[in-house]
Amino acid sequence: MSEELVTELLVLTLQTTALLLAPTIITMLVVGVITSLLQTITQVRDSTVTFIPKVIAAGVVLVLTAPWCMQVMQGFWGQIMEVFSRGAQ
């Protein structure tokens, strides 16, 4: 395998990973900010108040985006196979 193919695989993998993680990370960020604001307003200082909503939100997002994630992974697998077929020639 040439250096260009390895670089292409690395870039493709990082792009796909970022694309798949973005909805969950953005949701957790928004939920974290909202719970922090609520903690500041109510002056409740408990670590589970921020942890549990993030876990629940991440689970909901993962369930809702599962079909889309599978489509992205199928496309990623096809692109990997194309790169491997070019590398074998």
PDB file of N, CA and C in Angstrom:
ATOM      1  N   MET A   1       0.837  -1.169   0.000  1.00  0.00           N
ATOM      2  CA  MET A   1       0.000   0.000   0.000  1.00  0.00           C
ATOM      3  C   MET A   1       0.888   1.240   0.000  1.00  0.00           C
ATOM      4  N   SER A   2       0.530   2.188  -0.812  1.00  0.00           N
ATOM      5  CA  SER A   2       1.342   3.397  -0.899  1.00  0.00           C
ATOM      6  C   SER A   2       0.991   4.369   0.233  1.00  0.00           C
ATOM      7  N   GLU A   3       1.832   5.358   0.360  1.00  0.00           N
ATOM      8  CA  GLU A   3       1.636   6.358   1.406  1.00  0.00           C
ATOM      9  C   GLU A   3       0.363   7.172   1.168  1.00  0.00           C
ATOM     10  N   GLU A   4       0.041   7.417  -0.102  1.00  0.00           N
ATOM     11  CA  GLU A   4      -1.170   8.179  -0.418  1.00  0.00           C
ATOM     12  C   GLU A   4      -2.423   7.423   0.000  1.00  0.00           C
ATOM     13  N   LEU A   5      -2.425   6.107  -0.208  1.00  0.00           N
ATOM     14  CA  LEU A   5      -3.592   5.317   0.164  1.00  0.00           C
ATOM     15  C   LEU A   5      -3.774   5.265   1.681  1.00  0.00           C
ATOM     16  N   VAL A   6      -2.679   5.155   2.392  1.00  0.00           N
ATOM     17  CA  VAL A   6      -2.759   5.142   3.855  1.00  0.00           C
ATOM     18  C   VAL A   6      -3.266   6.486   4.360  1.00  0.00           C
ATOM     19  N   THR A   7      -2.766   7.562   3.778  1.00  0.00           N
ATOM     20  CA  THR A   7      -3.223   8.896   4.157  1.00  0.00           C
ATOM     21  C   THR A   7      -4.698   9.071   3.834  1.00  0.00           C
ATOM     22  N   GLU A   8      -5.121   8.589   2.679  1.00  0.00           N
ATOM     23  CA  GLU A   8      -6.532   8.678   2.297  1.00  0.00           C
ATOM     24  C   GLU A   8      -7.415   7.897   3.272  1.00  0.00           C
ATOM     25  N   LEU A   9      -6.963   6.712   3.664  1.00  0.00           N
ATOM     26  CA  LEU A   9      -7.716   5.919   4.635  1.00  0.00           C
ATOM     27  C   LEU A   9      -7.807   6.628   5.983  1.00  0.00           C
ATOM     28  N   LEU A  10      -6.717   7.220   6.410  1.00  0.00           N
ATOM     29  CA  LEU A  10      -6.700   7.932   7.684  1.00  0.00           C
ATOM     30  C   LEU A  10      -7.653   9.122   7.663  1.00  0.00           C
ATOM     31  N   VAL A  11      -7.599   9.907   6.608  1.00  0.00           N
ATOM     32  CA  VAL A  11      -8.479  11.072   6.489  1.00  0.00           C
ATOM     33  C   VAL A  11      -9.934  10.629   6.426  1.00  0.00           C
ATOM     34  N   LEU A  12     -10.216   9.608   5.650  1.00  0.00           N
ATOM     35  CA  LEU A  12     -11.576   9.091   5.519  1.00  0.00           C
ATOM     36  C   LEU A  12     -12.101   8.588   6.864  1.00  0.00           C
ATOM     37  N   THR A  13     -11.252   7.906   7.604  1.00  0.00           N
ATOM     38  CA  THR A  13     -11.649   7.383   8.911  1.00  0.00           C
ATOM     39  C   THR A  13     -11.930   8.511   9.896  1.00  0.00           C
ATOM     40  N   LEU A  14     -11.070   9.513   9.929  1.00  0.00           N
ATOM     41  CA  LEU A  14     -11.269  10.637  10.846  1.00  0.00           C
ATOM     42  C   LEU A  14     -12.516  11.441  10.493  1.00  0.00           C
ATOM     43  N   GLN A  15     -12.766  11.647   9.199  1.00  0.00           N
ATOM     44  CA  GLN A  15     -13.962  12.376   8.782  1.00  0.00           C
ATOM     45  C   GLN A  15     -15.229  11.621   9.168  1.00  0.00           C
ATOM     46  N   THR A  16     -15.228  10.328   8.941  1.00  0.00           N
ATOM     47  CA  THR A  16     -16.404   9.524   9.271  1.00  0.00           C
ATOM     48  C   THR A  16     -16.632   9.485  10.775  1.00  0.00           C
ATOM     49  N   THR A  17     -15.564   9.367  11.533  1.00  0.00           N
ATOM     50  CA  THR A  17     -15.684   9.357  12.993  1.00  0.00           C
ATOM     51  C   THR A  17     -16.264  10.674  13.498  1.00  0.00           C
ATOM     52  N   ALA A  18     -15.767  11.777  12.990  1.00  0.00           N
ATOM     53  CA  ALA A  18     -16.278  13.087  13.400  1.00  0.00           C
ATOM     54  C   ALA A  18     -17.743  13.245  13.013  1.00  0.00           C
ATOM     55  N   LEU A  19     -18.098  12.772  11.834  1.00  0.00           N
ATOM     56  CA  LEU A  19     -19.482  12.867  11.368  1.00  0.00           C
ATOM     57  C   LEU A  19     -20.414  12.045  12.251  1.00  0.00           C
ATOM     58  N   LEU A  20     -19.986  10.858  12.633  1.00  0.00           N
ATOM     59  CA  LEU A  20     -20.832   9.991  13.452  1.00  0.00           C
ATOM     60  C   LEU A  20     -20.947  10.482  14.897  1.00  0.00           C
ATOM     61  N   LEU A  21     -19.900  11.084  15.415  1.00  0.00           N
ATOM     62  CA  LEU A  21     -19.914  11.535  16.805  1.00  0.00           C
ATOM     63  C   LEU A  21     -20.550  12.910  16.996  1.00  0.00           C
ATOM     64  N   ALA A  22     -20.641  13.694  15.942  1.00  0.00           N
ATOM     65  CA  ALA A  22     -21.114  15.075  16.063  1.00  0.00           C
ATOM     66  C   ALA A  22     -22.497  15.203  16.707  1.00  0.00           C
ATOM     67  N   PRO A  23     -23.517  14.450  16.275  1.00  0.00           N
ATOM     68  CA  PRO A  23     -24.832  14.637  16.910  1.00  0.00           C
ATOM     69  C   PRO A  23     -24.822  14.367  18.412  1.00  0.00           C
ATOM     70  N   THR A  24     -24.134  13.330  18.828  1.00  0.00           N
ATOM     71  CA  THR A  24     -24.097  12.985  20.247  1.00  0.00           C
ATOM     72  C   THR A  24     -23.320  14.025  21.050  1.00  0.00           C
ATOM     73  N   ILE A  25     -22.188  14.449  20.530  1.00  0.00           N
ATOM     74  CA  ILE A  25     -21.368  15.422  21.260  1.00  0.00           C
ATOM     75  C   ILE A  25     -22.075  16.768  21.361  1.00  0.00           C
ATOM     76  N   ILE A  26     -22.704  17.201  20.279  1.00  0.00           N
ATOM     77  CA  ILE A  26     -23.421  18.480  20.306  1.00  0.00           C
ATOM     78  C   ILE A  26     -24.587  18.411  21.286  1.00  0.00           C
ATOM     79  N   THR A  27     -25.307  17.292  21.284  1.00  0.00           N
ATOM     80  CA  THR A  27     -26.420  17.128  22.221  1.00  0.00           C
ATOM     81  C   THR A  27     -25.934  17.158  23.661  1.00  0.00           C
ATOM     82  N   MET A  28     -24.852  16.453  23.935  1.00  0.00           N
ATOM     83  CA  MET A  28     -24.319  16.444  25.300  1.00  0.00           C
ATOM     84  C   MET A  28     -23.830  17.831  25.713  1.00  0.00           C
ATOM     85  N   LEU A  29     -23.283  18.582  24.777  1.00  0.00           N
ATOM     86  CA  LEU A  29     -22.841  19.944  25.074  1.00  0.00           C
ATOM     87  C   LEU A  29     -24.027  20.829  25.442  1.00  0.00           C
ATOM     88  N   VAL A  30     -25.097  20.748  24.643  1.00  0.00           N
ATOM     89  CA  VAL A  30     -26.285  21.564  24.907  1.00  0.00           C
ATOM     90  C   VAL A  30     -26.918  21.173  26.241  1.00  0.00           C
ATOM     91  N   VAL A  31     -27.061  19.877  26.478  1.00  0.00           N
ATOM     92  CA  VAL A  31     -27.643  19.418  27.745  1.00  0.00           C
ATOM     93  C   VAL A  31     -26.764  19.840  28.920  1.00  0.00           C
ATOM     94  N   GLY A  32     -25.459  19.771  28.760  1.00  0.00           N
ATOM     95  CA  GLY A  32     -24.551  20.193  29.824  1.00  0.00           C
ATOM     96  C   GLY A  32     -24.688  21.667  30.152  1.00  0.00           C
ATOM     97  N   VAL A  33     -24.812  22.491  29.122  1.00  0.00           N
ATOM     98  CA  VAL A  33     -24.972  23.932  29.354  1.00  0.00           C
ATOM     99  C   VAL A  33     -26.302  24.213  30.046  1.00  0.00           C
ATOM    100  N   ILE A  34     -27.362  23.553  29.582  1.00  0.00           N
ATOM    101  CA  ILE A  34     -28.681  23.776  30.188  1.00  0.00           C
ATOM    102  C   ILE A  34     -28.697  23.328  31.647  1.00  0.00           C
ATOM    103  N   THR A  35     -28.145  22.152  31.929  1.00  0.00           N
ATOM    104  CA  THR A  35     -28.138  21.687  33.320  1.00  0.00           C
ATOM    105  C   THR A  35     -27.239  22.554  34.197  1.00  0.00           C
ATOM    106  N   SER A  36     -26.162  23.062  33.645  1.00  0.00           N
ATOM    107  CA  SER A  36     -25.303  23.963  34.420  1.00  0.00           C
ATOM    108  C   SER A  36     -26.026  25.265  34.744  1.00  0.00           C
ATOM    109  N   LEU A  37     -26.777  25.769  33.768  1.00  0.00           N
ATOM    110  CA  LEU A  37     -27.568  26.973  34.032  1.00  0.00           C
ATOM    111  C   LEU A  37     -28.612  26.714  35.111  1.00  0.00           C
ATOM    112  N   LEU A  38     -29.284  25.571  35.018  1.00  0.00           N
ATOM    113  CA  LEU A  38     -30.284  25.239  36.030  1.00  0.00           C
ATOM    114  C   LEU A  38     -29.645  25.051  37.405  1.00  0.00           C
ATOM    115  N   GLN A  39     -28.464  24.462  37.445  1.00  0.00           N
ATOM    116  CA  GLN A  39     -27.759  24.307  38.719  1.00  0.00           C
ATOM    117  C   GLN A  39     -27.371  25.663  39.301  1.00  0.00           C
ATOM    118  N   THR A  40     -26.971  26.570  38.436  1.00  0.00           N
ATOM    119  CA  THR A  40     -26.594  27.902  38.901  1.00  0.00           C
ATOM    120  C   THR A  40     -27.809  28.645  39.438  1.00  0.00           C
ATOM    121  N   ILE A  41     -28.920  28.523  38.730  1.00  0.00           N
ATOM    122  CA  ILE A  41     -30.137  29.219  39.155  1.00  0.00           C
ATOM    123  C   ILE A  41     -30.654  28.655  40.473  1.00  0.00           C
ATOM    124  N   THR A  42     -30.683  27.320  40.582  1.00  0.00           N
ATOM    125  CA  THR A  42     -31.241  26.690  41.784  1.00  0.00           C
ATOM    126  C   THR A  42     -30.204  26.458  42.878  1.00  0.00           C
ATOM    127  N   GLN A  43     -28.944  26.675  42.588  1.00  0.00           N
ATOM    128  CA  GLN A  43     -27.830  26.483  43.515  1.00  0.00           C
ATOM    129  C   GLN A  43     -27.753  25.048  44.042  1.00  0.00           C
ATOM    130  N   VAL A  44     -28.056  24.099  43.168  1.00  0.00           N
ATOM    131  CA  VAL A  44     -27.927  22.682  43.506  1.00  0.00           C
ATOM    132  C   VAL A  44     -26.568  22.226  42.995  1.00  0.00           C
ATOM    133  N   ARG A  45     -25.753  21.663  43.870  1.00  0.00           N
ATOM    134  CA  ARG A  45     -24.414  21.201  43.492  1.00  0.00           C
ATOM    135  C   ARG A  45     -24.317  19.693  43.685  1.00  0.00           C
ATOM    136  N   ASP A  46     -24.825  18.951  42.727  1.00  0.00           N
ATOM    137  CA  ASP A  46     -24.764  17.495  42.785  1.00  0.00           C
ATOM    138  C   ASP A  46     -24.256  17.001  41.436  1.00  0.00           C
ATOM    139  N   SER A  47     -23.275  16.126  41.448  1.00  0.00           N
ATOM    140  CA  SER A  47     -22.671  15.676  40.189  1.00  0.00           C
ATOM    141  C   SER A  47     -23.629  14.845  39.347  1.00  0.00           C
ATOM    142  N   THR A  48     -24.573  14.156  39.982  1.00  0.00           N
ATOM    143  CA  THR A  48     -25.508  13.336  39.202  1.00  0.00           C
ATOM    144  C   THR A  48     -26.490  14.192  38.422  1.00  0.00           C
ATOM    145  N   VAL A  49     -26.689  15.424  38.860  1.00  0.00           N
ATOM    146  CA  VAL A  49     -27.615  16.309  38.151  1.00  0.00           C
ATOM    147  C   VAL A  49     -27.104  16.611  36.745  1.00  0.00           C
ATOM    148  N   THR A  50     -25.808  16.672  36.560  1.00  0.00           N
ATOM    149  CA  THR A  50     -25.273  16.917  35.219  1.00  0.00           C
ATOM    150  C   THR A  50     -25.003  15.623  34.469  1.00  0.00           C
ATOM    151  N   PHE A  51     -24.681  14.559  35.184  1.00  0.00           N
ATOM    152  CA  PHE A  51     -24.292  13.305  34.535  1.00  0.00           C
ATOM    153  C   PHE A  51     -25.490  12.557  33.950  1.00  0.00           C
ATOM    154  N   ILE A  52     -26.536  12.383  34.722  1.00  0.00           N
ATOM    155  CA  ILE A  52     -27.675  11.568  34.289  1.00  0.00           C
ATOM    156  C   ILE A  52     -28.380  12.159  33.065  1.00  0.00           C
ATOM    157  N   PRO A  53     -28.678  13.462  33.014  1.00  0.00           N
ATOM    158  CA  PRO A  53     -29.313  13.990  31.795  1.00  0.00           C
ATOM    159  C   PRO A  53     -28.451  13.822  30.543  1.00  0.00           C
ATOM    160  N   LYS A  54     -27.135  13.945  30.694  1.00  0.00           N
ATOM    161  CA  LYS A  54     -26.248  13.758  29.540  1.00  0.00           C
ATOM    162  C   LYS A  54     -26.301  12.325  29.037  1.00  0.00           C
ATOM    163  N   VAL A  55     -26.293  11.368  29.949  1.00  0.00           N
ATOM    164  CA  VAL A  55     -26.343   9.957  29.557  1.00  0.00           C
ATOM    165  C   VAL A  55     -27.672   9.638  28.885  1.00  0.00           C
ATOM    166  N   ILE A  56     -28.760  10.137  29.438  1.00  0.00           N
ATOM    167  CA  ILE A  56     -30.076   9.892  28.844  1.00  0.00           C
ATOM    168  C   ILE A  56     -30.162  10.535  27.465  1.00  0.00           C
ATOM    169  N   ALA A  57     -29.709  11.779  27.342  1.00  0.00           N
ATOM    170  CA  ALA A  57     -29.750  12.469  26.049  1.00  0.00           C
ATOM    171  C   ALA A  57     -28.886  11.758  25.020  1.00  0.00           C
ATOM    172  N   ALA A  58     -27.707  11.302  25.426  1.00  0.00           N
ATOM    173  CA  ALA A  58     -26.829  10.582  24.499  1.00  0.00           C
ATOM    174  C   ALA A  58     -27.482   9.288  24.044  1.00  0.00           C
ATOM    175  N   GLY A  59     -28.120   8.574  24.956  1.00  0.00           N
ATOM    176  CA  GLY A  59     -28.811   7.339  24.586  1.00  0.00           C
ATOM    177  C   GLY A  59     -29.939   7.584  23.606  1.00  0.00           C
ATOM    178  N   VAL A  60     -30.721   8.630  23.848  1.00  0.00           N
ATOM    179  CA  VAL A  60     -31.827   8.961  22.940  1.00  0.00           C
ATOM    180  C   VAL A  60     -31.296   9.330  21.560  1.00  0.00           C
ATOM    181  N   VAL A  61     -30.249  10.143  21.524  1.00  0.00           N
ATOM    182  CA  VAL A  61     -29.675  10.548  20.236  1.00  0.00           C
ATOM    183  C   VAL A  61     -29.109   9.344  19.495  1.00  0.00           C
ATOM    184  N   LEU A  62     -28.432   8.458  20.203  1.00  0.00           N
ATOM    185  CA  LEU A  62     -27.877   7.266  19.555  1.00  0.00           C
ATOM    186  C   LEU A  62     -28.974   6.380  18.977  1.00  0.00           C
ATOM    187  N   VAL A  63     -30.077   6.235  19.699  1.00  0.00           N
ATOM    188  CA  VAL A  63     -31.186   5.417  19.192  1.00  0.00           C
ATOM    189  C   VAL A  63     -31.826   6.084  17.976  1.00  0.00           C
ATOM    190  N   LEU A  64     -32.026   7.397  18.051  1.00  0.00           N
ATOM    191  CA  LEU A  64     -32.684   8.099  16.947  1.00  0.00           C
ATOM    192  C   LEU A  64     -31.812   8.190  15.696  1.00  0.00           C
ATOM    193  N   THR A  65     -30.502   8.263  15.872  1.00  0.00           N
ATOM    194  CA  THR A  65     -29.618   8.398  14.716  1.00  0.00           C
ATOM    195  C   THR A  65     -29.034   7.069  14.243  1.00  0.00           C
ATOM    196  N   ALA A  66     -29.444   5.960  14.838  1.00  0.00           N
ATOM    197  CA  ALA A  66     -28.887   4.651  14.470  1.00  0.00           C
ATOM    198  C   ALA A  66     -29.060   4.319  12.985  1.00  0.00           C
ATOM    199  N   PRO A  67     -30.248   4.530  12.380  1.00  0.00           N
ATOM    200  CA  PRO A  67     -30.364   4.220  10.944  1.00  0.00           C
ATOM    201  C   PRO A  67     -29.427   5.070  10.083  1.00  0.00           C
ATOM    202  N   TRP A  68     -29.330   6.341  10.412  1.00  0.00           N
ATOM    203  CA  TRP A  68     -28.434   7.223   9.665  1.00  0.00           C
ATOM    204  C   TRP A  68     -26.983   6.790   9.842  1.00  0.00           C
ATOM    205  N   CYS A  69     -26.617   6.417  11.063  1.00  0.00           N
ATOM    206  CA  CYS A  69     -25.249   5.952  11.328  1.00  0.00           C
ATOM    207  C   CYS A  69     -24.931   4.703  10.513  1.00  0.00           C
ATOM    208  N   MET A  70     -25.892   3.809  10.394  1.00  0.00           N
ATOM    209  CA  MET A  70     -25.672   2.594   9.607  1.00  0.00           C
ATOM    210  C   MET A  70     -25.450   2.938   8.129  1.00  0.00           C
ATOM    211  N   GLN A  71     -26.206   3.907   7.613  1.00  0.00           N
ATOM    212  CA  GLN A  71     -26.009   4.331   6.221  1.00  0.00           C
ATOM    213  C   GLN A  71     -24.620   4.933   6.034  1.00  0.00           C
ATOM    214  N   VAL A  72     -24.202   5.755   6.973  1.00  0.00           N
ATOM    215  CA  VAL A  72     -22.868   6.363   6.888  1.00  0.00           C
ATOM    216  C   VAL A  72     -21.798   5.280   6.931  1.00  0.00           C
ATOM    217  N   MET A  73     -21.963   4.300   7.809  1.00  0.00           N
ATOM    218  CA  MET A  73     -20.978   3.221   7.925  1.00  0.00           C
ATOM    219  C   MET A  73     -20.947   2.350   6.668  1.00  0.00           C
ATOM    220  N   GLN A  74     -22.105   2.130   6.049  1.00  0.00           N
ATOM    221  CA  GLN A  74     -22.127   1.375   4.796  1.00  0.00           C
ATOM    222  C   GLN A  74     -21.366   2.119   3.706  1.00  0.00           C
ATOM    223  N   GLY A  75     -21.582   3.428   3.614  1.00  0.00           N
ATOM    224  CA  GLY A  75     -20.835   4.225   2.649  1.00  0.00           C
ATOM    225  C   GLY A  75     -19.348   4.226   2.940  1.00  0.00           C
ATOM    226  N   PHE A  76     -18.998   4.294   4.206  1.00  0.00           N
ATOM    227  CA  PHE A  76     -17.597   4.254   4.627  1.00  0.00           C
ATOM    228  C   PHE A  76     -16.967   2.920   4.235  1.00  0.00           C
ATOM    229  N   TRP A  77     -17.676   1.838   4.467  1.00  0.00           N
ATOM    230  CA  TRP A  77     -17.160   0.512   4.118  1.00  0.00           C
ATOM    231  C   TRP A  77     -16.931   0.411   2.605  1.00  0.00           C
ATOM    232  N   GLY A  78     -17.870   0.944   1.821  1.00  0.00           N
ATOM    233  CA  GLY A  78     -17.698   0.941   0.371  1.00  0.00           C
ATOM    234  C   GLY A  78     -16.480   1.737  -0.062  1.00  0.00           C
ATOM    235  N   GLN A  79     -16.258   2.879   0.572  1.00  0.00           N
ATOM    236  CA  GLN A  79     -15.091   3.694   0.240  1.00  0.00           C
ATOM    237  C   GLN A  79     -13.795   2.988   0.627  1.00  0.00           C
ATOM    238  N   ILE A  80     -13.801   2.291   1.748  1.00  0.00           N
ATOM    239  CA  ILE A  80     -12.608   1.541   2.153  1.00  0.00           C
ATOM    240  C   ILE A  80     -12.307   0.443   1.143  1.00  0.00           C
ATOM    241  N   MET A  81     -13.334  -0.244   0.689  1.00  0.00           N
ATOM    242  CA  MET A  81     -13.129  -1.311  -0.293  1.00  0.00           C
ATOM    243  C   MET A  81     -12.571  -0.751  -1.606  1.00  0.00           C
ATOM    244  N   GLU A  82     -13.032   0.449  -1.998  1.00  0.00           N
ATOM    245  CA  GLU A  82     -12.492   1.087  -3.202  1.00  0.00           C
ATOM    246  C   GLU A  82     -11.004   1.400  -3.027  1.00  0.00           C
ATOM    247  N   VAL A  83     -10.642   1.924  -1.870  1.00  0.00           N
ATOM    248  CA  VAL A  83      -9.236   2.254  -1.608  1.00  0.00           C
ATOM    249  C   VAL A  83      -8.396   0.984  -1.612  1.00  0.00           C
ATOM    250  N   PHE A  84      -8.899  -0.083  -0.987  1.00  0.00           N
ATOM    251  CA  PHE A  84      -8.160  -1.348  -0.970  1.00  0.00           C
ATOM    252  C   PHE A  84      -8.015  -1.936  -2.367  1.00  0.00           C
ATOM    253  N   SER A  85      -9.055  -1.810  -3.191  1.00  0.00           N
ATOM    254  CA  SER A  85      -8.952  -2.356  -4.548  1.00  0.00           C
ATOM    255  C   SER A  85      -7.935  -1.567  -5.374  1.00  0.00           C
ATOM    256  N   ARG A  86      -7.854  -0.252  -5.143  1.00  0.00           N
ATOM    257  CA  ARG A  86      -6.831   0.540  -5.830  1.00  0.00           C
ATOM    258  C   ARG A  86      -5.441   0.181  -5.338  1.00  0.00           C
ATOM    259  N   GLY A  87      -5.326  -0.143  -4.054  1.00  0.00           N
ATOM    260  CA  GLY A  87      -4.030  -0.502  -3.487  1.00  0.00           C
ATOM    261  C   GLY A  87      -3.554  -1.864  -3.939  1.00  0.00           C
ATOM    262  N   ALA A  88      -4.482  -2.739  -4.284  1.00  0.00           N
ATOM    263  CA  ALA A  88      -4.112  -4.094  -4.710  1.00  0.00           C
ATOM    264  C   ALA A  88      -3.632  -4.123  -6.154  1.00  0.00           C
ATOM    265  N   GLN A  89      -3.949  -3.095  -6.901  1.00  0.00           N
ATOM    266  CA  GLN A  89      -3.581  -3.083  -8.326  1.00  0.00           C
ATOM    267  C   GLN A  89      -2.148  -2.689  -8.538  1.00  0.00           C
TER     268      GLN A  89
END
